[in-house]
Amino acid sequence: MVIGMNELKRSDVMSICDMMLFGLDNATIAKRFNIRPGYVALIRAKKKWKDVVSQYPEFPRSTVFKK
């Protein structure tokens, strides 16, 4: 079950931002927080949680590595 987006805490979003800066892709981050990859993409694009993500530099693009 995917949690509601309102159940993410500010500290969770900060962790997500750190993971994005570290280079993790949206799917990996989404799995870790049990949210949709699309929502991670919105955070990466700075469309959600603007008060938190505005404190971070540009995030690198999400890349998915083929296995």
PDB file of N, CA and C in Angstrom:
ATOM      1  N   MET A   1       0.839  -1.181   0.000  1.00  0.00           N
ATOM      2  CA  MET A   1       0.000   0.000   0.000  1.00  0.00           C
ATOM      3  C   MET A   1       0.882   1.240   0.000  1.00  0.00           C
ATOM      4  N   VAL A   2       0.556   2.198  -0.829  1.00  0.00           N
ATOM      5  CA  VAL A   2       1.315   3.438  -0.909  1.00  0.00           C
ATOM      6  C   VAL A   2       0.720   4.425   0.079  1.00  0.00           C
ATOM      7  N   ILE A   3       1.584   5.033   0.891  1.00  0.00           N
ATOM      8  CA  ILE A   3       1.085   5.983   1.880  1.00  0.00           C
ATOM      9  C   ILE A   3       0.631   7.254   1.196  1.00  0.00           C
ATOM     10  N   GLY A   4      -0.242   7.981   1.871  1.00  0.00           N
ATOM     11  CA  GLY A   4      -0.680   9.270   1.340  1.00  0.00           C
ATOM     12  C   GLY A   4       0.457  10.271   1.383  1.00  0.00           C
ATOM     13  N   MET A   5       0.452  11.176   0.437  1.00  0.00           N
ATOM     14  CA  MET A   5       1.542  12.133   0.350  1.00  0.00           C
ATOM     15  C   MET A   5       1.584  13.045   1.571  1.00  0.00           C
ATOM     16  N   ASN A   6       0.450  13.227   2.223  1.00  0.00           N
ATOM     17  CA  ASN A   6       0.440  14.069   3.406  1.00  0.00           C
ATOM     18  C   ASN A   6       1.065  13.358   4.604  1.00  0.00           C
ATOM     19  N   GLU A   7       1.417  12.097   4.461  1.00  0.00           N
ATOM     20  CA  GLU A   7       2.046  11.367   5.550  1.00  0.00           C
ATOM     21  C   GLU A   7       3.563  11.487   5.527  1.00  0.00           C
ATOM     22  N   LEU A   8       4.113  12.111   4.490  1.00  0.00           N
ATOM     23  CA  LEU A   8       5.542  12.376   4.476  1.00  0.00           C
ATOM     24  C   LEU A   8       5.827  13.510   5.446  1.00  0.00           C
ATOM     25  N   LYS A   9       6.866  13.342   6.206  1.00  0.00           N
ATOM     26  CA  LYS A   9       7.273  14.391   7.129  1.00  0.00           C
ATOM     27  C   LYS A   9       8.345  15.240   6.474  1.00  0.00           C
ATOM     28  N   ARG A  10       8.544  16.417   7.009  1.00  0.00           N
ATOM     29  CA  ARG A  10       9.582  17.315   6.492  1.00  0.00           C
ATOM     30  C   ARG A  10      10.939  16.616   6.492  1.00  0.00           C
ATOM     31  N   SER A  11      11.217  15.865   7.546  1.00  0.00           N
ATOM     32  CA  SER A  11      12.499  15.155   7.635  1.00  0.00           C
ATOM     33  C   SER A  11      12.605  14.089   6.538  1.00  0.00           C
ATOM     34  N   ASP A  12      11.474  13.464   6.168  1.00  0.00           N
ATOM     35  CA  ASP A  12      11.475  12.489   5.070  1.00  0.00           C
ATOM     36  C   ASP A  12      11.839  13.168   3.756  1.00  0.00           C
ATOM     37  N   VAL A  13      11.258  14.336   3.522  1.00  0.00           N
ATOM     38  CA  VAL A  13      11.527  15.051   2.271  1.00  0.00           C
ATOM     39  C   VAL A  13      12.995  15.488   2.231  1.00  0.00           C
ATOM     40  N   MET A  14      13.537  15.893   3.356  1.00  0.00           N
ATOM     41  CA  MET A  14      14.953  16.259   3.405  1.00  0.00           C
ATOM     42  C   MET A  14      15.825  15.048   3.094  1.00  0.00           C
ATOM     43  N   SER A  15      15.442  13.891   3.591  1.00  0.00           N
ATOM     44  CA  SER A  15      16.176  12.657   3.282  1.00  0.00           C
ATOM     45  C   SER A  15      16.065  12.323   1.801  1.00  0.00           C
ATOM     46  N   ILE A  16      14.880  12.512   1.234  1.00  0.00           N
ATOM     47  CA  ILE A  16      14.677  12.275  -0.195  1.00  0.00           C
ATOM     48  C   ILE A  16      15.586  13.200  -0.998  1.00  0.00           C
ATOM     49  N   CYS A  17      15.658  14.460  -0.615  1.00  0.00           N
ATOM     50  CA  CYS A  17      16.515  15.420  -1.314  1.00  0.00           C
ATOM     51  C   CYS A  17      17.984  15.004  -1.224  1.00  0.00           C
ATOM     52  N   ASP A  18      18.398  14.560  -0.064  1.00  0.00           N
ATOM     53  CA  ASP A  18      19.776  14.095   0.095  1.00  0.00           C
ATOM     54  C   ASP A  18      20.061  12.890  -0.796  1.00  0.00           C
ATOM     55  N   MET A  19      19.086  11.979  -0.877  1.00  0.00           N
ATOM     56  CA  MET A  19      19.254  10.798  -1.716  1.00  0.00           C
ATOM     57  C   MET A  19      19.340  11.189  -3.190  1.00  0.00           C
ATOM     58  N   MET A  20      18.561  12.187  -3.597  1.00  0.00           N
ATOM     59  CA  MET A  20      18.619  12.653  -4.978  1.00  0.00           C
ATOM     60  C   MET A  20      19.983  13.262  -5.282  1.00  0.00           C
ATOM     61  N   LEU A  21      20.504  14.055  -4.345  1.00  0.00           N
ATOM     62  CA  LEU A  21      21.822  14.658  -4.542  1.00  0.00           C
ATOM     63  C   LEU A  21      22.914  13.594  -4.585  1.00  0.00           C
ATOM     64  N   PHE A  22      22.694  12.504  -3.878  1.00  0.00           N
ATOM     65  CA  PHE A  22      23.649  11.397  -3.879  1.00  0.00           C
ATOM     66  C   PHE A  22      23.609  10.631  -5.196  1.00  0.00           C
ATOM     67  N   GLY A  23      22.518  10.814  -5.967  1.00  0.00           N
ATOM     68  CA  GLY A  23      22.440  10.204  -7.286  1.00  0.00           C
ATOM     69  C   GLY A  23      21.458   9.058  -7.426  1.00  0.00           C
ATOM     70  N   LEU A  24      20.640   8.823  -6.414  1.00  0.00           N
ATOM     71  CA  LEU A  24      19.681   7.720  -6.511  1.00  0.00           C
ATOM     72  C   LEU A  24      18.530   8.091  -7.443  1.00  0.00           C
ATOM     73  N   ASP A  25      17.973   7.087  -8.109  1.00  0.00           N
ATOM     74  CA  ASP A  25      16.885   7.329  -9.048  1.00  0.00           C
ATOM     75  C   ASP A  25      15.536   7.360  -8.335  1.00  0.00           C
ATOM     76  N   ASN A  26      14.531   7.853  -9.032  1.00  0.00           N
ATOM     77  CA  ASN A  26      13.197   8.029  -8.444  1.00  0.00           C
ATOM     78  C   ASN A  26      12.599   6.723  -7.948  1.00  0.00           C
ATOM     79  N   ALA A  27      12.757   5.646  -8.712  1.00  0.00           N
ATOM     80  CA  ALA A  27      12.159   4.357  -8.329  1.00  0.00           C
ATOM     81  C   ALA A  27      12.752   3.830  -7.023  1.00  0.00           C
ATOM     82  N   THR A  28      14.059   3.966  -6.859  1.00  0.00           N
ATOM     83  CA  THR A  28      14.719   3.497  -5.637  1.00  0.00           C
ATOM     84  C   THR A  28      14.258   4.300  -4.433  1.00  0.00           C
ATOM     85  N   ILE A  29      14.190   5.608  -4.601  1.00  0.00           N
ATOM     86  CA  ILE A  29      13.750   6.475  -3.509  1.00  0.00           C
ATOM     87  C   ILE A  29      12.290   6.189  -3.165  1.00  0.00           C
ATOM     88  N   ALA A  30      11.462   6.024  -4.188  1.00  0.00           N
ATOM     89  CA  ALA A  30      10.037   5.748  -3.974  1.00  0.00           C
ATOM     90  C   ALA A  30       9.840   4.460  -3.190  1.00  0.00           C
ATOM     91  N   LYS A  31      10.615   3.442  -3.531  1.00  0.00           N
ATOM     92  CA  LYS A  31      10.501   2.168  -2.831  1.00  0.00           C
ATOM     93  C   LYS A  31      10.870   2.324  -1.356  1.00  0.00           C
ATOM     94  N   ARG A  32      11.885   3.101  -1.092  1.00  0.00           N
ATOM     95  CA  ARG A  32      12.369   3.305   0.285  1.00  0.00           C
ATOM     96  C   ARG A  32      11.309   3.980   1.161  1.00  0.00           C
ATOM     97  N   PHE A  33      10.547   4.922   0.567  1.00  0.00           N
ATOM     98  CA  PHE A  33       9.555   5.675   1.329  1.00  0.00           C
ATOM     99  C   PHE A  33       8.124   5.232   1.058  1.00  0.00           C
ATOM    100  N   ASN A  34       7.973   4.189   0.238  1.00  0.00           N
ATOM    101  CA  ASN A  34       6.657   3.634  -0.077  1.00  0.00           C
ATOM    102  C   ASN A  34       5.731   4.696  -0.682  1.00  0.00           C
ATOM    103  N   ILE A  35       6.287   5.434  -1.658  1.00  0.00           N
ATOM    104  CA  ILE A  35       5.512   6.428  -2.387  1.00  0.00           C
ATOM    105  C   ILE A  35       5.681   6.166  -3.882  1.00  0.00           C
ATOM    106  N   ARG A  36       4.921   6.864  -4.702  1.00  0.00           N
ATOM    107  CA  ARG A  36       5.001   6.679  -6.154  1.00  0.00           C
ATOM    108  C   ARG A  36       6.243   7.362  -6.718  1.00  0.00           C
ATOM    109  N   PRO A  37       6.901   6.753  -7.699  1.00  0.00           N
ATOM    110  CA  PRO A  37       8.054   7.395  -8.341  1.00  0.00           C
ATOM    111  C   PRO A  37       7.701   8.746  -8.954  1.00  0.00           C
ATOM    112  N   GLY A  38       6.472   8.883  -9.413  1.00  0.00           N
ATOM    113  CA  GLY A  38       6.029  10.158  -9.985  1.00  0.00           C
ATOM    114  C   GLY A  38       6.038  11.283  -8.965  1.00  0.00           C
ATOM    115  N   TYR A  39       5.725  10.938  -7.717  1.00  0.00           N
ATOM    116  CA  TYR A  39       5.744  11.957  -6.670  1.00  0.00           C
ATOM    117  C   TYR A  39       7.180  12.373  -6.367  1.00  0.00           C
ATOM    118  N   VAL A  40       8.092  11.412  -6.413  1.00  0.00           N
ATOM    119  CA  VAL A  40       9.512  11.730  -6.245  1.00  0.00           C
ATOM    120  C   VAL A  40       9.959  12.658  -7.374  1.00  0.00           C
ATOM    121  N   ALA A  41       9.474  12.398  -8.585  1.00  0.00           N
ATOM    122  CA  ALA A  41       9.816  13.243  -9.727  1.00  0.00           C
ATOM    123  C   ALA A  41       9.327  14.672  -9.518  1.00  0.00           C
ATOM    124  N   LEU A  42       8.161  14.835  -8.921  1.00  0.00           N
ATOM    125  CA  LEU A  42       7.647  16.178  -8.639  1.00  0.00           C
ATOM    126  C   LEU A  42       8.503  16.892  -7.599  1.00  0.00           C
ATOM    127  N   ILE A  43       8.981  16.157  -6.620  1.00  0.00           N
ATOM    128  CA  ILE A  43       9.895  16.752  -5.633  1.00  0.00           C
ATOM    129  C   ILE A  43      11.198  17.130  -6.321  1.00  0.00           C
ATOM    130  N   ARG A  44      11.710  16.237  -7.167  1.00  0.00           N
ATOM    131  CA  ARG A  44      12.963  16.496  -7.900  1.00  0.00           C
ATOM    132  C   ARG A  44      12.833  17.750  -8.775  1.00  0.00           C
ATOM    133  N   ALA A  45      11.663  17.945  -9.380  1.00  0.00           N
ATOM    134  CA  ALA A  45      11.417  19.106 -10.235  1.00  0.00           C
ATOM    135  C   ALA A  45      11.061  20.358  -9.423  1.00  0.00           C
ATOM    136  N   LYS A  46      11.043  20.202  -8.109  1.00  0.00           N
ATOM    137  CA  LYS A  46      10.746  21.294  -7.173  1.00  0.00           C
ATOM    138  C   LYS A  46       9.330  21.830  -7.343  1.00  0.00           C
ATOM    139  N   LYS A  47       8.396  20.910  -7.636  1.00  0.00           N
ATOM    140  CA  LYS A  47       6.989  21.266  -7.768  1.00  0.00           C
ATOM    141  C   LYS A  47       6.216  20.976  -6.482  1.00  0.00           C
ATOM    142  N   LYS A  48       6.778  20.159  -5.627  1.00  0.00           N
ATOM    143  CA  LYS A  48       6.169  19.821  -4.336  1.00  0.00           C
ATOM    144  C   LYS A  48       7.165  20.144  -3.232  1.00  0.00           C
ATOM    145  N   TRP A  49       6.660  20.414  -2.056  1.00  0.00           N
ATOM    146  CA  TRP A  49       7.487  20.715  -0.886  1.00  0.00           C
ATOM    147  C   TRP A  49       8.464  21.858  -1.198  1.00  0.00           C
ATOM    148  N   LYS A  50       7.959  22.905  -1.826  1.00  0.00           N
ATOM    149  CA  LYS A  50       8.798  24.010  -2.292  1.00  0.00           C
ATOM    150  C   LYS A  50       9.596  24.662  -1.169  1.00  0.00           C
ATOM    151  N   ASP A  51       9.019  24.730   0.016  1.00  0.00           N
ATOM    152  CA  ASP A  51       9.742  25.349   1.134  1.00  0.00           C
ATOM    153  C   ASP A  51      10.983  24.551   1.533  1.00  0.00           C
ATOM    154  N   VAL A  52      10.946  23.240   1.331  1.00  0.00           N
ATOM    155  CA  VAL A  52      12.089  22.386   1.672  1.00  0.00           C
ATOM    156  C   VAL A  52      13.085  22.332   0.515  1.00  0.00           C
ATOM    157  N   VAL A  53      12.600  22.030  -0.679  1.00  0.00           N
ATOM    158  CA  VAL A  53      13.505  21.817  -1.802  1.00  0.00           C
ATOM    159  C   VAL A  53      14.183  23.096  -2.284  1.00  0.00           C
ATOM    160  N   SER A  54      13.622  24.244  -1.957  1.00  0.00           N
ATOM    161  CA  SER A  54      14.243  25.509  -2.371  1.00  0.00           C
ATOM    162  C   SER A  54      15.590  25.720  -1.682  1.00  0.00           C
ATOM    163  N   GLN A  55      15.840  24.995  -0.594  1.00  0.00           N
ATOM    164  CA  GLN A  55      17.100  25.106   0.137  1.00  0.00           C
ATOM    165  C   GLN A  55      18.212  24.276  -0.503  1.00  0.00           C
ATOM    166  N   TYR A  56      17.876  23.481  -1.513  1.00  0.00           N
ATOM    167  CA  TYR A  56      18.836  22.574  -2.139  1.00  0.00           C
ATOM    168  C   TYR A  56      19.226  23.090  -3.526  1.00  0.00           C
ATOM    169  N   PRO A  57      20.442  22.744  -3.978  1.00  0.00           N
ATOM    170  CA  PRO A  57      20.816  23.094  -5.355  1.00  0.00           C
ATOM    171  C   PRO A  57      20.030  22.232  -6.341  1.00  0.00           C
ATOM    172  N   GLU A  58      20.232  22.455  -7.628  1.00  0.00           N
ATOM    173  CA  GLU A  58      19.563  21.640  -8.640  1.00  0.00           C
ATOM    174  C   GLU A  58      19.871  20.167  -8.413  1.00  0.00           C
ATOM    175  N   PHE A  59      18.845  19.346  -8.548  1.00  0.00           N
ATOM    176  CA  PHE A  59      19.030  17.908  -8.406  1.00  0.00           C
ATOM    177  C   PHE A  59      19.443  17.327  -9.750  1.00  0.00           C
ATOM    178  N   PRO A  60      20.308  16.316  -9.734  1.00  0.00           N
ATOM    179  CA  PRO A  60      20.638  15.649 -11.002  1.00  0.00           C
ATOM    180  C   PRO A  60      19.424  14.897 -11.528  1.00  0.00           C
ATOM    181  N   ARG A  61      19.411  14.637 -12.826  1.00  0.00           N
ATOM    182  CA  ARG A  61      18.309  13.880 -13.418  1.00  0.00           C
ATOM    183  C   ARG A  61      18.290  12.467 -12.855  1.00  0.00           C
ATOM    184  N   SER A  62      17.106  11.907 -12.776  1.00  0.00           N
ATOM    185  CA  SER A  62      16.975  10.522 -12.333  1.00  0.00           C
ATOM    186  C   SER A  62      17.397   9.592 -13.449  1.00  0.00           C
ATOM    187  N   THR A  63      18.242   8.646 -13.109  1.00  0.00           N
ATOM    188  CA  THR A  63      18.658   7.649 -14.086  1.00  0.00           C
ATOM    189  C   THR A  63      18.364   6.273 -13.521  1.00  0.00           C
ATOM    190  N   VAL A  64      17.914   5.393 -14.368  1.00  0.00           N
ATOM    191  CA  VAL A  64      17.653   4.024 -13.965  1.00  0.00           C
ATOM    192  C   VAL A  64      18.692   3.151 -14.649  1.00  0.00           C
ATOM    193  N   PHE A  65      19.420   2.419 -13.850  1.00  0.00           N
ATOM    194  CA  PHE A  65      20.474   1.572 -14.385  1.00  0.00           C
ATOM    195  C   PHE A  65      19.888   0.229 -14.797  1.00  0.00           C
ATOM    196  N   LYS A  66      20.213  -0.203 -15.996  1.00  0.00           N
ATOM    197  CA  LYS A  66      19.732  -1.496 -16.476  1.00  0.00           C
ATOM    198  C   LYS A  66      20.555  -2.596 -15.825  1.00  0.00           C
ATOM    199  N   LYS A  67      19.858  -3.649 -15.419  1.00  0.00           N
ATOM    200  CA  LYS A  67      20.548  -4.766 -14.761  1.00  0.00           C
ATOM    201  C   LYS A  67      20.913  -5.814 -15.772  1.00  0.00           C
TER     202      LYS A  67
END
